[in-house]
Amino acid sequence: MPLRKAIRKVHEVLYSLMLVLHPVKRFIGRTVKSFDFLGYQIHPNRKLRPSAVSLHRLTERARQLYERGVSEERLRQYVIRWHRWLHGGLDGMVSYKGGITKYWVSVLKHLHITGATVQP
């Protein structure tokens, strides 16, 4: 499908959904830099990774849970569910580098928790 027809079709679908493209936050063409979209960082020739905003939200929500006095197990379950969301339905398109342990350790460091079980 030629590019102009594809762009027209995107606008038709968005209009039918009563959505519009943001006039500044849109780019049509090739990209050499990464960009964030729906919680993922998208970069040419790389697997998806969580965006900085997603990671920040993970640690902030974990902090809120921690401040409410939830158990370490409850925090761990939150991180596990977040990790499932990260990989859910994307069939290997998301990087597994570091696995869930990477995010669990990140949350523990953010909360300055020592002595917690590192294995998620």
C-alpha atoms as a PDB file:
ATOM      1  CA  MET A   1       0.000   0.000   0.000  1.00  0.00           C
ATOM      2  CA  PRO A   2       1.528   3.335  -0.966  1.00  0.00           C
ATOM      3  CA  LEU A   3       2.406   5.623   1.915  1.00  0.00           C
ATOM      4  CA  ARG A   4      -0.254   8.249   1.125  1.00  0.00           C
ATOM      5  CA  LYS A   5      -3.018   5.621   1.094  1.00  0.00           C
ATOM      6  CA  ALA A   6      -1.750   4.170   4.375  1.00  0.00           C
ATOM      7  CA  ILE A   7      -1.719   7.611   5.994  1.00  0.00           C
ATOM      8  CA  ARG A   8      -5.234   8.317   4.715  1.00  0.00           C
ATOM      9  CA  LYS A   9      -6.422   4.970   6.130  1.00  0.00           C
ATOM     10  CA  VAL A  10      -4.861   5.740   9.527  1.00  0.00           C
ATOM     11  CA  HIS A  11      -6.693   9.077   9.613  1.00  0.00           C
ATOM     12  CA  GLU A  12      -9.981   7.385   8.622  1.00  0.00           C
ATOM     13  CA  VAL A  13      -9.680   4.802  11.388  1.00  0.00           C
ATOM     14  CA  LEU A  14      -8.730   7.414  13.969  1.00  0.00           C
ATOM     15  CA  TYR A  15     -11.624   9.639  12.892  1.00  0.00           C
ATOM     16  CA  SER A  16     -14.061   6.721  13.217  1.00  0.00           C
ATOM     17  CA  LEU A  17     -12.768   6.215  16.761  1.00  0.00           C
ATOM     18  CA  MET A  18     -13.124   9.963  17.420  1.00  0.00           C
ATOM     19  CA  LEU A  19      -9.356  10.286  17.883  1.00  0.00           C
ATOM     20  CA  VAL A  20      -6.879  12.665  16.317  1.00  0.00           C
ATOM     21  CA  LEU A  21      -3.132  12.643  15.992  1.00  0.00           C
ATOM     22  CA  HIS A  22      -1.335  15.155  18.151  1.00  0.00           C
ATOM     23  CA  PRO A  23       0.010  17.900  15.833  1.00  0.00           C
ATOM     24  CA  VAL A  24       3.480  17.828  17.414  1.00  0.00           C
ATOM     25  CA  LYS A  25       3.766  14.237  18.666  1.00  0.00           C
ATOM     26  CA  ARG A  26       3.607  12.562  15.304  1.00  0.00           C
ATOM     27  CA  PHE A  27       6.172  11.523  12.793  1.00  0.00           C
ATOM     28  CA  ILE A  28       5.675   9.630   9.585  1.00  0.00           C
ATOM     29  CA  GLY A  29       8.800   8.194   8.059  1.00  0.00           C
ATOM     30  CA  ARG A  30      11.949   6.382   9.014  1.00  0.00           C
ATOM     31  CA  THR A  31      13.418   6.881  12.437  1.00  0.00           C
ATOM     32  CA  VAL A  32      16.994   6.307  13.549  1.00  0.00           C
ATOM     33  CA  LYS A  33      16.449   7.288  17.170  1.00  0.00           C
ATOM     34  CA  SER A  34      14.309   5.555  19.742  1.00  0.00           C
ATOM     35  CA  PHE A  35      10.907   6.769  20.882  1.00  0.00           C
ATOM     36  CA  ASP A  36       8.431   5.821  23.587  1.00  0.00           C
ATOM     37  CA  PHE A  37       5.016   4.405  22.770  1.00  0.00           C
ATOM     38  CA  LEU A  38       2.473   2.770  25.086  1.00  0.00           C
ATOM     39  CA  GLY A  39       5.005   2.169  27.839  1.00  0.00           C
ATOM     40  CA  TYR A  40       7.718   0.729  25.622  1.00  0.00           C
ATOM     41  CA  GLN A  41      10.897   2.179  24.183  1.00  0.00           C
ATOM     42  CA  ILE A  42      11.002   1.412  20.484  1.00  0.00           C
ATOM     43  CA  HIS A  43      14.340   1.487  18.725  1.00  0.00           C
ATOM     44  CA  PRO A  44      15.196   0.256  15.231  1.00  0.00           C
ATOM     45  CA  ASN A  45      16.925  -3.136  15.212  1.00  0.00           C
ATOM     46  CA  ARG A  46      16.407  -3.771  18.943  1.00  0.00           C
ATOM     47  CA  LYS A  47      13.861  -5.595  21.024  1.00  0.00           C
ATOM     48  CA  LEU A  48      11.330  -3.540  22.960  1.00  0.00           C
ATOM     49  CA  ARG A  49      12.240  -2.312  26.426  1.00  0.00           C
ATOM     50  CA  PRO A  50      10.143  -0.588  29.064  1.00  0.00           C
ATOM     51  CA  SER A  51      10.191   3.179  28.725  1.00  0.00           C
ATOM     52  CA  ALA A  52      11.695   5.379  31.413  1.00  0.00           C
ATOM     53  CA  VAL A  53       8.166   6.475  32.329  1.00  0.00           C
ATOM     54  CA  SER A  54       7.063   2.834  32.771  1.00  0.00           C
ATOM     55  CA  LEU A  55      10.035   2.103  35.019  1.00  0.00           C
ATOM     56  CA  HIS A  56       9.363   5.245  37.041  1.00  0.00           C
ATOM     57  CA  ARG A  57       5.704   4.264  37.488  1.00  0.00           C
ATOM     58  CA  LEU A  58       6.737   0.762  38.561  1.00  0.00           C
ATOM     59  CA  THR A  59       9.013   2.068  41.299  1.00  0.00           C
ATOM     60  CA  GLU A  60       6.603   4.794  42.417  1.00  0.00           C
ATOM     61  CA  ARG A  61       3.661   2.413  42.723  1.00  0.00           C
ATOM     62  CA  ALA A  62       5.880  -0.050  44.580  1.00  0.00           C
ATOM     63  CA  ARG A  63       6.899   2.786  46.919  1.00  0.00           C
ATOM     64  CA  GLN A  64       3.246   3.615  47.563  1.00  0.00           C
ATOM     65  CA  LEU A  65       2.535  -0.024  48.399  1.00  0.00           C
ATOM     66  CA  TYR A  66       5.584  -0.171  50.660  1.00  0.00           C
ATOM     67  CA  GLU A  67       4.520   2.989  52.496  1.00  0.00           C
ATOM     68  CA  ARG A  68       1.126   1.381  53.122  1.00  0.00           C
ATOM     69  CA  GLY A  69       2.939  -1.435  54.897  1.00  0.00           C
ATOM     70  CA  VAL A  70       2.371  -4.287  52.475  1.00  0.00           C
ATOM     71  CA  SER A  71       4.494  -7.401  52.840  1.00  0.00           C
ATOM     72  CA  GLU A  72       7.555  -8.195  50.793  1.00  0.00           C
ATOM     73  CA  GLU A  73       5.544 -10.958  49.141  1.00  0.00           C
ATOM     74  CA  ARG A  74       2.864  -8.469  48.048  1.00  0.00           C
ATOM     75  CA  LEU A  75       5.557  -6.193  46.566  1.00  0.00           C
ATOM     76  CA  ARG A  76       7.071  -9.160  44.760  1.00  0.00           C
ATOM     77  CA  GLN A  77       3.664 -10.095  43.324  1.00  0.00           C
ATOM     78  CA  TYR A  78       3.219  -6.539  42.057  1.00  0.00           C
ATOM     79  CA  VAL A  79       6.565  -6.678  40.242  1.00  0.00           C
ATOM     80  CA  ILE A  80       5.741 -10.112  38.805  1.00  0.00           C
ATOM     81  CA  ARG A  81       2.395  -8.853  37.436  1.00  0.00           C
ATOM     82  CA  TRP A  82       4.090  -5.778  35.981  1.00  0.00           C
ATOM     83  CA  HIS A  83       6.649  -8.040  34.301  1.00  0.00           C
ATOM     84  CA  ARG A  84       3.830 -10.139  32.832  1.00  0.00           C
ATOM     85  CA  TRP A  85       2.268  -6.972  31.424  1.00  0.00           C
ATOM     86  CA  LEU A  86       5.641  -6.001  29.929  1.00  0.00           C
ATOM     87  CA  HIS A  87       5.889  -9.264  27.997  1.00  0.00           C
ATOM     88  CA  GLY A  88       2.200 -10.030  27.574  1.00  0.00           C
ATOM     89  CA  GLY A  89       1.152 -10.896  24.055  1.00  0.00           C
ATOM     90  CA  LEU A  90       4.331  -9.683  22.402  1.00  0.00           C
ATOM     91  CA  ASP A  91       5.799 -13.117  21.639  1.00  0.00           C
ATOM     92  CA  GLY A  92       9.484 -12.470  22.213  1.00  0.00           C
ATOM     93  CA  MET A  93       9.520  -8.879  20.984  1.00  0.00           C
ATOM     94  CA  VAL A  94      10.537  -7.575  24.431  1.00  0.00           C
ATOM     95  CA  SER A  95      14.069  -7.952  25.730  1.00  0.00           C
ATOM     96  CA  TYR A  96      14.440 -10.507  28.522  1.00  0.00           C
ATOM     97  CA  LYS A  97      17.869  -9.181  29.504  1.00  0.00           C
ATOM     98  CA  GLY A  98      18.090  -9.438  33.296  1.00  0.00           C
ATOM     99  CA  GLY A  99      14.651 -11.017  33.524  1.00  0.00           C
ATOM    100  CA  ILE A 100      12.243 -10.266  36.338  1.00  0.00           C
ATOM    101  CA  THR A 101      15.088 -10.225  38.874  1.00  0.00           C
ATOM    102  CA  LYS A 102      16.395  -7.038  37.249  1.00  0.00           C
ATOM    103  CA  TYR A 103      13.146  -5.193  37.993  1.00  0.00           C
ATOM    104  CA  TRP A 104      12.739  -6.682  41.469  1.00  0.00           C
ATOM    105  CA  VAL A 105      16.267  -5.565  42.440  1.00  0.00           C
ATOM    106  CA  SER A 106      15.554  -2.131  40.960  1.00  0.00           C
ATOM    107  CA  VAL A 107      12.447  -1.776  43.146  1.00  0.00           C
ATOM    108  CA  LEU A 108      14.352  -2.934  46.248  1.00  0.00           C
ATOM    109  CA  LYS A 109      17.132  -0.414  45.596  1.00  0.00           C
ATOM    110  CA  HIS A 110      14.614   2.363  44.999  1.00  0.00           C
ATOM    111  CA  LEU A 111      12.945   1.584  48.313  1.00  0.00           C
ATOM    112  CA  HIS A 112      16.303   1.188  50.100  1.00  0.00           C
ATOM    113  CA  ILE A 113      15.257  -2.231  51.366  1.00  0.00           C
ATOM    114  CA  THR A 114      18.083  -4.353  52.676  1.00  0.00           C
ATOM    115  CA  GLY A 115      17.832  -7.966  53.681  1.00  0.00           C
ATOM    116  CA  ALA A 116      14.957  -8.678  51.297  1.00  0.00           C
ATOM    117  CA  THR A 117      14.923 -11.851  49.274  1.00  0.00           C
ATOM    118  CA  VAL A 118      16.420 -10.995  45.896  1.00  0.00           C
ATOM    119  CA  GLN A 119      14.928 -13.961  44.036  1.00  0.00           C
ATOM    120  CA  PRO A 120      11.470 -12.946  42.759  1.00  0.00           C
END
